[in-house]
Amino acid sequence: EALVTEKEGNLVRVDLRTKQKVKIKGFPDDVAKPVDRGDNAGIFEVLLDPDFSRNKFVYVSYAASNEQGSTTKVIRAVLENDTLSGVETLLLATPYTRQCCHYGGGMTFGRDGKLYLTVGERLFREIDEPTLPIAQNVEDKRGKIYRLNPDGSVPTDNPDFGPKAVPGLYAIGIRAAQGVTVEPATNKIWFSEHGTIQGDEINVLKAQANYGRPIKTSGRYRSADYVPPAAKETVFTGPSFFWLQ
C-alpha cells in the first residue's frame, strides 16, 4: 500500500496490487486547487513519522487558501481507519498571496530525527521583488528551508539568523525547492531547486547557508531588466550540480 497525494487536492491510499484507491477522510478544507496547467497548487507531499507504527502520525504539505490568496502549509495528523484526526498546523508560510507558483512543500526526516521543510519564494518574475528580496529577508517566511522538531517546535541547536528572524530557519536564498531527501551512505540532505530560464540545481543542504536567490543564479532571469541588489559581503553557497538545458 502507498499514500499518494494528488495535485487536484486529495490524499489517497492505494493498494498497489489491486489498484484500488481510497480517499483519506478528515483532510482540511482549505486546499487551494489548481485553476490551470501553470498553477502549482494542490497537495504536495505526504510523509510518515519515523515512529508511525506506534504514533500513527503523518505529515502533509499543501497549498492552503483563504480570501487573500494561497500559501504553503504543513500539517501533522493521526491517520487511522483512512481518516485524519487531531490535525495540527506546524508551518504556515504567510502572507497569503495571489501568486500561482513556487510553493515548495518538500519534506524529509533527517538522521537527527528533525523535520526538514522547503518553502518557495512564490514570485514568478524577479521584477516583482521588494528592495530586500523575499528569499534574502530572514523576517519573511518565504524562500527558506526549515528544520523543526516533529511537533513543530524549533530545535535548540538550529542556526541563529538573528533576533528578528522567523522561527525554525535552517537555510535561506531559496527560489522553488521541492525535492528533498537523505543520502543513506553519507546522511547528507540533498534538495532540488528549479531554475528560471535554465539553471535547475541540486544542492547539499548546509546549516545557515544562503543559496543566493535572486542575487545569484546559475540560469537567467525571467525579467531581463532585473538588476539584483549588491551583496558584496554575503557568502553564497553554490549548487553541487546545475543544468543549462
Protein backbone atom coordinates (compact mmCIF):
# COMPACT_ATOMS: atom_id res chain seq x y z
CA GLU A 1 0.00 0.00 0.00
CA ALA A 2 1.03 3.61 -0.52
CA LEU A 3 -0.21 7.03 0.48
CA VAL A 4 -0.42 9.25 -2.59
CA THR A 5 -1.03 12.99 -2.90
CA GLU A 6 -2.98 14.32 -5.86
CA LYS A 7 -2.43 17.71 -7.46
CA GLU A 8 -6.20 18.13 -7.67
CA GLY A 9 -6.39 18.10 -3.90
CA ASN A 10 -6.93 14.61 -2.43
CA LEU A 11 -4.85 12.38 -0.19
CA VAL A 12 -5.47 8.73 -1.07
CA ARG A 13 -4.42 5.23 -0.03
CA VAL A 14 -3.64 2.98 -2.99
CA ASP A 15 -3.43 -0.81 -2.96
CA LEU A 16 -0.53 -1.43 -5.34
CA ARG A 17 -1.73 -4.95 -6.15
CA THR A 18 -5.42 -4.35 -6.83
CA LYS A 19 -5.02 -0.65 -7.86
CA GLN A 20 -7.93 0.22 -5.56
CA LYS A 21 -7.87 3.84 -4.41
CA VAL A 22 -9.45 5.08 -1.19
CA LYS A 23 -9.77 8.79 -0.36
CA ILE A 24 -8.48 9.72 3.11
CA LYS A 25 -11.18 11.48 5.12
CA GLY A 26 -10.71 14.40 7.50
CA PHE A 27 -8.31 16.43 5.37
CA PRO A 28 -8.54 20.21 5.99
CA ASP A 29 -10.98 22.01 3.69
CA ASP A 30 -8.63 24.91 2.82
CA VAL A 31 -6.75 23.17 -0.02
CA ALA A 32 -6.09 25.50 -2.96
CA LYS A 33 -6.73 23.52 -6.13
CA PRO A 34 -5.04 24.45 -9.45
CA VAL A 35 -7.06 26.60 -11.82
CA ASP A 36 -4.90 25.97 -14.93
CA ARG A 37 -1.89 23.96 -16.10
CA GLY A 38 0.60 26.53 -14.84
CA ASP A 39 -0.86 26.65 -11.34
CA ASN A 40 1.26 24.74 -8.80
CA ALA A 41 -1.46 24.48 -6.15
CA GLY A 42 -2.77 21.22 -4.66
CA ILE A 43 -1.37 18.71 -2.17
CA PHE A 44 2.39 18.31 -2.37
CA GLU A 45 3.92 15.64 -0.17
CA VAL A 46 2.91 13.12 2.49
CA LEU A 47 5.44 11.74 4.94
CA LEU A 48 5.17 9.06 7.62
CA ASP A 49 6.60 9.71 11.06
CA PRO A 50 9.72 7.58 11.70
CA ASP A 51 7.75 6.02 14.57
CA PHE A 52 4.50 5.71 12.59
CA SER A 53 3.82 2.14 13.70
CA ARG A 54 3.44 3.44 17.25
CA ASN A 55 2.12 7.01 16.98
CA LYS A 56 0.30 6.93 13.58
CA PHE A 57 1.50 10.47 12.72
CA VAL A 58 1.60 11.63 9.10
CA TYR A 59 2.83 14.97 7.76
CA VAL A 60 1.34 16.64 4.69
CA SER A 61 2.34 19.80 2.81
CA TYR A 62 -0.12 21.58 0.56
CA ALA A 63 -1.26 24.90 -0.87
CA ALA A 64 -3.75 26.42 1.57
CA SER A 65 -6.21 29.14 0.53
CA ASN A 66 -8.30 31.90 2.07
CA GLU A 67 -9.83 35.16 0.84
CA GLN A 68 -6.34 36.73 0.45
CA GLY A 69 -4.95 34.01 -1.79
CA SER A 70 -2.83 30.95 -1.03
CA THR A 71 0.35 29.86 0.71
CA THR A 72 2.36 26.82 1.78
CA LYS A 73 1.05 24.92 4.78
CA VAL A 74 2.38 21.86 6.63
CA ILE A 75 0.21 19.81 8.98
CA ARG A 76 0.59 16.80 11.24
CA ALA A 77 -2.28 14.42 11.97
CA VAL A 78 -3.06 10.93 13.22
CA LEU A 79 -4.01 8.52 10.42
CA GLU A 80 -6.24 5.61 11.40
CA ASN A 81 -9.00 3.81 9.50
CA ASP A 82 -8.41 6.01 6.43
CA THR A 83 -9.22 9.12 8.46
CA LEU A 84 -7.12 12.03 9.71
CA SER A 85 -7.73 13.29 13.25
CA GLY A 86 -6.06 15.74 15.62
CA VAL A 87 -4.82 17.91 12.74
CA GLU A 88 -2.13 20.39 13.84
CA THR A 89 -0.55 23.17 11.77
CA LEU A 90 3.25 23.00 12.00
CA LEU A 91 4.05 25.73 9.48
CA LEU A 92 2.01 28.38 7.68
CA ALA A 93 4.18 30.42 5.33
CA THR A 94 2.22 33.66 5.40
CA PRO A 95 1.47 36.01 3.76
CA TYR A 96 -1.24 34.56 1.53
CA THR A 97 -0.76 35.91 -2.00
CA ARG A 98 -2.33 35.60 -5.46
CA GLN A 99 0.89 34.23 -6.98
CA CYS A 100 0.40 30.89 -8.74
CA CYS A 101 3.71 29.22 -8.22
CA HIS A 102 6.75 28.13 -6.22
CA TYR A 103 5.18 26.82 -3.02
CA GLY A 104 7.94 24.32 -2.27
CA GLY A 105 6.46 21.74 0.08
CA GLY A 106 9.32 19.24 0.12
CA MET A 107 9.71 17.29 3.37
CA THR A 108 12.11 14.74 4.82
CA PHE A 109 13.25 13.50 8.21
CA GLY A 110 16.99 13.78 8.76
CA ARG A 111 19.03 11.17 10.57
CA ASP A 112 18.86 13.55 13.53
CA GLY A 113 15.10 12.95 13.79
CA LYS A 114 14.29 16.52 12.73
CA LEU A 115 11.77 17.51 10.06
CA TYR A 116 13.18 19.50 7.13
CA LEU A 117 10.75 21.56 5.02
CA THR A 118 11.13 23.63 1.85
CA VAL A 119 9.12 26.81 1.14
CA GLY A 120 9.42 28.65 -2.18
CA GLU A 121 9.55 32.41 -2.56
CA ARG A 122 6.23 32.49 -4.51
CA LEU A 123 7.28 35.08 -7.11
CA PHE A 124 7.21 34.26 -10.82
CA ARG A 125 9.12 37.35 -12.03
CA GLU A 126 12.17 38.92 -10.42
CA ILE A 127 10.94 42.43 -11.26
CA ASP A 128 8.31 41.97 -8.53
CA GLU A 129 10.95 41.58 -5.81
CA PRO A 130 10.95 44.16 -3.00
CA THR A 131 14.13 46.13 -2.31
CA LEU A 132 15.26 43.41 0.08
CA PRO A 133 14.41 40.26 -1.90
CA ILE A 134 11.98 37.86 -0.27
CA ALA A 135 14.35 34.90 -0.10
CA GLN A 136 17.08 37.10 1.45
CA ASN A 137 14.82 38.57 4.14
CA VAL A 138 15.05 36.49 7.32
CA GLU A 139 11.85 38.15 8.59
CA ASP A 140 9.88 36.73 5.64
CA LYS A 141 8.78 33.09 5.81
CA ARG A 142 9.06 32.51 2.06
CA GLY A 143 12.12 31.31 0.16
CA LYS A 144 13.55 29.31 3.04
CA ILE A 145 14.30 25.80 4.32
CA TYR A 146 13.16 24.98 7.85
CA ARG A 147 14.30 22.49 10.47
CA LEU A 148 11.71 21.60 13.11
CA ASN A 149 11.07 19.06 15.81
CA PRO A 150 8.30 16.60 14.83
CA ASP A 151 5.79 18.57 16.93
CA GLY A 152 6.60 21.82 15.12
CA SER A 153 8.76 23.35 17.85
CA VAL A 154 12.20 24.76 17.00
CA PRO A 155 15.30 22.70 17.89
CA THR A 156 17.64 24.44 20.30
CA ASP A 157 20.64 23.72 18.05
CA ASN A 158 19.21 25.43 14.96
CA PRO A 159 21.42 28.14 13.37
CA ASP A 160 20.92 31.69 14.61
CA PHE A 161 19.72 34.10 11.92
CA GLY A 162 19.22 36.98 14.35
CA PRO A 163 16.58 38.16 16.83
CA LYS A 164 14.02 39.17 14.16
CA ALA A 165 14.29 36.01 12.05
CA VAL A 166 11.22 33.82 11.67
CA PRO A 167 11.42 30.71 13.86
CA GLY A 168 12.85 27.48 12.52
CA LEU A 169 15.09 28.80 9.72
CA TYR A 170 17.87 26.48 8.58
CA ALA A 171 18.85 27.95 5.19
CA ILE A 172 17.80 30.93 3.03
CA GLY A 173 18.01 32.15 -0.56
CA ILE A 174 15.57 29.57 -1.98
CA ARG A 175 13.51 30.04 -5.16
CA ALA A 176 11.40 26.91 -5.69
CA ALA A 177 12.96 23.93 -3.90
CA GLN A 178 10.69 20.88 -3.90
CA GLY A 179 12.52 17.55 -3.79
CA VAL A 180 14.48 16.92 -0.58
CA THR A 181 15.87 13.62 0.68
CA VAL A 182 18.61 11.97 2.76
CA GLU A 183 21.51 10.19 1.07
CA PRO A 184 21.77 6.88 3.00
CA ALA A 185 25.51 6.41 2.53
CA THR A 186 26.50 9.81 3.94
CA ASN A 187 23.38 11.09 5.77
CA LYS A 188 23.68 14.31 3.74
CA ILE A 189 20.44 16.04 2.84
CA TRP A 190 20.09 16.95 -0.84
CA PHE A 191 17.45 19.18 -2.39
CA SER A 192 16.43 20.18 -5.90
CA GLU A 193 15.95 23.80 -6.91
CA HIS A 194 14.02 24.84 -10.01
CA GLY A 195 15.76 27.46 -12.12
CA THR A 196 14.08 30.26 -14.04
CA ILE A 197 15.37 30.10 -17.60
CA GLN A 198 17.83 27.18 -17.38
CA GLY A 199 19.79 26.76 -14.16
CA ASP A 200 17.99 23.86 -12.48
CA GLU A 201 20.09 22.80 -9.48
CA ILE A 202 20.83 20.03 -7.00
CA ASN A 203 22.24 21.24 -3.69
CA VAL A 204 23.58 19.82 -0.45
CA LEU A 205 21.75 21.34 2.50
CA LYS A 206 24.01 23.11 4.97
CA ALA A 207 23.14 24.90 8.20
CA GLN A 208 22.81 28.70 7.81
CA ALA A 209 23.70 28.54 4.11
CA ASN A 210 22.48 31.22 1.71
CA TYR A 211 21.76 29.72 -1.73
CA GLY A 212 21.64 33.10 -3.40
CA ARG A 213 18.16 33.65 -4.78
CA PRO A 214 17.68 36.07 -6.54
CA ILE A 215 21.12 37.67 -6.30
CA LYS A 216 22.96 34.60 -7.59
CA THR A 217 21.60 32.17 -10.17
CA SER A 218 23.06 29.52 -12.47
CA GLY A 219 20.43 30.39 -15.08
CA ARG A 220 18.90 33.59 -16.42
CA TYR A 221 16.18 35.87 -15.03
CA ARG A 222 12.63 35.89 -16.35
CA SER A 223 12.76 39.69 -16.09
CA ALA A 224 15.57 40.65 -18.47
CA ASP A 225 15.80 44.15 -16.98
CA TYR A 226 16.05 42.97 -13.36
CA VAL A 227 19.17 44.16 -11.52
CA PRO A 228 19.69 42.37 -8.18
CA PRO A 229 20.91 44.37 -5.18
CA ALA A 230 24.60 44.35 -4.37
CA ALA A 231 25.66 41.91 -1.67
CA LYS A 232 29.44 42.11 -1.69
CA GLU A 233 29.92 40.82 1.85
CA THR A 234 27.40 37.98 1.65
CA VAL A 235 28.76 34.45 1.29
CA PHE A 236 26.63 32.32 -1.05
CA THR A 237 26.57 28.54 -1.33
CA GLY A 238 26.67 27.29 -4.91
CA PRO A 239 24.96 24.19 -6.29
CA SER A 240 26.62 20.78 -6.48
CA PHE A 241 25.16 20.32 -9.97
CA PHE A 242 23.31 22.59 -12.36
CA TRP A 243 21.95 22.33 -15.89
CA LEU A 244 21.95 24.85 -18.71
CA GLN A 245 19.34 22.99 -20.77
